[in-house]
């Protein structure tokens, strides 16, 4: 009978080599992971304006090195199920700062369009905090001092007047105001009082 070919025993050096390669790969992965200081945070997938509700569909996950600023930006896992609300303008692709977010469950603001009696300061831009001032007409022969109609509103958009006398006219603006102040604002508009915007925090106080 023909003799059966003898099976060659596996060279133990092969197993030793595979083990060394595996240990080496795991060691490199461990070292890289240990020195990887990046955090997974959210960036805006599109531009967000003050008052916009922010849901998961509006955000994209990114791994970035925050260099010690981990507590300043919205991290993955921090977004509530009901979402959040933008209180400042956030550009597309921009990291979502915690300071630009508000609680969606406590939304008490609404947007109103106001016609102003004077142009808007160039220092104001969408997202700026502003006070809405009113200057009433003379009542019973006595001038009524200007007063703050709404404090700490949010400027959404400025629509400057067009035409030859645009520089002497006011502007039309959209602002976010507390719902509780809407009736007072509408009454002021009905009374045809002059309205103006001033950066928040500069309101005049009586001596």
Protein backbone atom coordinates (compact mmCIF):
# COMPACT_ATOMS: atom_id res chain seq x y z
CA UNK A 1 0.00 0.00 0.00
CA UNK A 2 1.22 3.51 -0.79
CA UNK A 3 2.29 5.39 2.27
CA UNK A 4 0.20 8.41 3.35
CA UNK A 5 1.94 11.81 3.14
CA UNK A 6 3.00 12.97 6.54
CA UNK A 7 1.34 16.15 7.81
CA UNK A 8 3.78 18.84 8.52
CA UNK A 9 3.47 20.30 11.99
CA UNK A 10 2.73 24.01 12.15
CA UNK A 11 5.77 26.07 12.80
CA UNK A 12 5.35 27.58 16.30
CA UNK A 13 7.21 30.64 15.09
CA UNK A 14 4.13 31.48 12.97
CA UNK A 15 1.90 31.68 16.06
CA UNK A 16 4.50 33.66 17.92
CA UNK A 17 4.72 36.12 15.03
CA UNK A 18 0.91 36.53 14.83
CA UNK A 19 0.75 37.09 18.58
CA UNK A 20 3.45 39.75 18.41
CA UNK A 21 1.68 41.54 15.55
CA UNK A 22 -1.64 41.49 17.45
CA UNK A 23 -0.04 42.83 20.62
CA UNK A 24 1.71 45.53 18.62
CA UNK A 25 -1.49 46.66 16.91
CA UNK A 26 -3.41 46.73 20.18
CA UNK A 27 -0.61 48.69 21.79
CA UNK A 28 -0.61 51.32 19.05
CA UNK A 29 -4.41 51.64 19.24
CA UNK A 30 -4.20 52.03 23.01
CA UNK A 31 -1.52 54.70 22.78
CA UNK A 32 -3.42 56.67 20.14
CA UNK A 33 -6.64 56.47 22.18
CA UNK A 34 -4.84 57.59 25.32
CA UNK A 35 -3.43 60.67 23.63
CA UNK A 36 -6.60 61.51 21.62
CA UNK A 37 -7.98 64.56 23.44
CA UNK A 38 -10.73 65.26 20.93
CA UNK A 39 -14.37 65.56 22.00
CA UNK A 40 -17.54 64.71 20.09
CA UNK A 41 -19.65 67.84 19.85
CA UNK A 42 -22.36 69.29 17.63
CA UNK A 43 -22.03 71.80 14.81
CA UNK A 44 -24.96 73.44 13.06
CA UNK A 45 -25.87 71.78 9.76
CA UNK A 46 -27.43 75.06 8.61
CA UNK A 47 -27.71 78.66 9.73
CA UNK A 48 -29.79 79.16 12.89
CA UNK A 49 -31.43 82.42 13.93
CA UNK A 50 -32.59 83.57 17.37
CA UNK A 51 -35.87 81.86 18.18
CA UNK A 52 -35.23 78.80 15.99
CA UNK A 53 -35.91 75.45 17.65
CA UNK A 54 -32.88 73.17 17.46
CA UNK A 55 -33.47 69.44 17.01
CA UNK A 56 -31.10 66.57 16.28
CA UNK A 57 -31.80 66.94 12.54
CA UNK A 58 -30.34 70.47 12.68
CA UNK A 59 -26.99 69.26 14.03
CA UNK A 60 -24.00 67.21 12.85
CA UNK A 61 -21.54 65.37 15.09
CA UNK A 62 -17.87 66.32 14.87
CA UNK A 63 -14.73 65.14 16.66
CA UNK A 64 -12.68 68.22 17.50
CA UNK A 65 -9.91 69.26 19.85
CA UNK A 66 -11.42 71.89 22.15
CA UNK A 67 -8.17 72.52 24.03
CA UNK A 68 -9.80 72.69 27.46
CA UNK A 69 -13.09 74.24 26.29
CA UNK A 70 -15.16 71.07 26.57
CA UNK A 71 -17.74 72.73 28.82
CA UNK A 72 -18.42 75.59 26.42
CA UNK A 73 -20.06 73.69 23.57
CA UNK A 74 -23.01 71.33 23.12
CA UNK A 75 -21.68 67.78 23.37
CA UNK A 76 -23.29 64.65 21.98
CA UNK A 77 -25.75 63.36 24.57
CA UNK A 78 -26.61 66.80 25.95
CA UNK A 79 -29.44 67.60 23.51
CA UNK A 80 -32.85 67.15 25.22
CA UNK A 81 -35.51 65.18 23.39
CA UNK A 82 -37.66 68.30 22.99
CA UNK A 83 -34.69 70.17 21.56
CA UNK A 84 -33.35 73.61 22.43
CA UNK A 85 -33.85 77.16 21.20
CA UNK A 86 -31.24 79.44 19.63
CA UNK A 87 -30.85 82.72 21.51
CA UNK A 88 -28.07 83.95 19.21
CA UNK A 89 -27.24 83.55 15.53
CA UNK A 90 -25.30 80.35 14.74
CA UNK A 91 -23.68 79.97 11.33
CA UNK A 92 -23.70 76.76 9.31
CA UNK A 93 -20.74 74.58 10.31
CA UNK A 94 -20.17 76.53 13.53
CA UNK A 95 -19.75 74.82 16.89
CA UNK A 96 -22.92 75.19 18.96
CA UNK A 97 -22.01 77.27 21.99
CA UNK A 98 -23.97 76.60 25.18
CA UNK A 99 -24.25 80.36 25.69
CA UNK A 100 -26.29 80.59 22.46
CA UNK A 101 -28.94 78.11 23.63
CA UNK A 102 -32.16 78.37 25.60
CA UNK A 103 -34.60 75.87 27.09
CA UNK A 104 -37.27 74.92 24.54
CA UNK A 105 -39.72 74.00 27.30
CA UNK A 106 -39.73 77.60 28.51
CA UNK A 107 -40.35 79.39 25.21
CA UNK A 108 -42.25 82.54 26.12
CA UNK A 109 -41.24 84.80 23.25
CA UNK A 110 -42.79 85.66 19.93
CA UNK A 111 -41.66 87.63 16.91
CA UNK A 112 -43.06 91.07 16.09
CA UNK A 113 -42.27 93.45 13.24
CA UNK A 114 -41.87 97.06 14.38
CA UNK A 115 -41.57 100.29 12.41
CA UNK A 116 -39.00 102.53 14.07
CA UNK A 117 -38.84 106.30 14.06
CA UNK A 118 -35.05 106.33 13.57
CA UNK A 119 -32.43 104.19 11.81
CA UNK A 120 -30.91 101.26 13.68
CA UNK A 121 -27.41 101.65 15.10
CA UNK A 122 -24.77 99.92 13.00
CA UNK A 123 -23.50 98.27 16.18
CA UNK A 124 -26.66 96.16 16.25
CA UNK A 125 -26.95 92.99 14.21
CA UNK A 126 -29.19 89.90 14.21
CA UNK A 127 -28.90 88.23 17.60
CA UNK A 128 -28.18 91.46 19.49
CA UNK A 129 -29.98 92.05 22.77
CA UNK A 130 -31.93 95.31 22.61
CA UNK A 131 -34.33 97.46 24.59
CA UNK A 132 -37.37 98.82 22.76
CA UNK A 133 -37.94 102.44 23.74
CA UNK A 134 -41.08 104.49 23.17
CA UNK A 135 -41.57 108.23 22.99
CA UNK A 136 -45.22 109.20 23.41
CA UNK A 137 -46.79 112.30 21.99
CA UNK A 138 -47.58 115.32 24.13
CA UNK A 139 -50.50 114.56 26.47
CA UNK A 140 -52.64 117.38 27.89
CA UNK A 141 -49.95 119.87 27.04
CA UNK A 142 -47.26 117.95 28.94
CA UNK A 143 -44.47 115.97 27.29
CA UNK A 144 -44.22 112.35 28.39
CA UNK A 145 -40.59 111.27 28.96
CA UNK A 146 -39.32 108.41 26.79
CA UNK A 147 -39.47 105.04 28.52
CA UNK A 148 -38.46 101.44 27.93
CA UNK A 149 -41.36 99.54 26.39
CA UNK A 150 -39.66 96.14 26.33
CA UNK A 151 -36.33 95.29 27.94
CA UNK A 152 -33.89 92.65 26.71
CA UNK A 153 -35.58 91.76 23.43
CA UNK A 154 -33.65 89.98 20.65
CA UNK A 155 -33.09 91.56 17.26
CA UNK A 156 -33.90 89.06 14.49
CA UNK A 157 -33.69 91.15 11.30
CA UNK A 158 -33.26 94.74 10.16
CA UNK A 159 -35.04 95.89 7.03
CA UNK A 160 -33.66 99.31 6.21
CA UNK A 161 -35.88 101.77 4.35
CA UNK A 162 -35.15 102.38 0.68
CA UNK A 163 -35.38 105.56 -1.34
CA UNK A 164 -33.93 109.07 -1.50
CA UNK A 165 -34.68 109.93 2.12
CA UNK A 166 -33.83 106.51 3.53
CA UNK A 167 -31.14 107.96 5.77
CA UNK A 168 -33.72 110.21 7.45
CA UNK A 169 -36.29 107.48 7.90
CA UNK A 170 -36.48 104.74 10.43
CA UNK A 171 -36.17 101.04 9.79
CA UNK A 172 -38.49 98.10 10.01
CA UNK A 173 -37.17 95.44 12.36
CA UNK A 174 -38.20 92.02 13.55
CA UNK A 175 -37.64 91.34 17.23
CA UNK A 176 -38.31 88.55 19.69
CA UNK A 177 -40.28 89.84 22.67
CA UNK A 178 -41.89 88.20 25.72
CA UNK A 179 -45.47 87.19 24.99
CA UNK A 180 -46.56 88.97 28.15
CA UNK A 181 -45.53 92.30 26.55
CA UNK A 182 -47.31 91.84 23.21
CA UNK A 183 -50.51 93.61 24.29
CA UNK A 184 -48.56 96.63 25.52
CA UNK A 185 -46.55 96.80 22.29
CA UNK A 186 -49.67 96.60 20.13
CA UNK A 187 -51.29 99.34 22.22
CA UNK A 188 -48.22 101.54 21.72
CA UNK A 189 -48.43 100.97 17.96
CA UNK A 190 -52.12 101.84 18.01
CA UNK A 191 -51.29 105.05 19.92
CA UNK A 192 -48.77 105.90 17.18
CA UNK A 193 -45.89 106.40 19.58
CA UNK A 194 -42.35 106.58 18.20
CA UNK A 195 -40.27 103.44 18.74
CA UNK A 196 -36.49 103.03 18.81
CA UNK A 197 -33.96 100.29 19.58
CA UNK A 198 -31.10 100.71 22.04
CA UNK A 199 -28.48 98.06 22.90
CA UNK A 200 -29.65 96.23 26.01
CA UNK A 201 -28.09 97.38 29.24
CA UNK A 202 -28.02 101.04 28.24
CA UNK A 203 -31.51 101.85 29.46
CA UNK A 204 -31.91 105.18 31.28
CA UNK A 205 -32.94 105.03 34.92
CA UNK A 206 -34.45 107.87 36.87
CA UNK A 207 -32.15 109.51 39.47
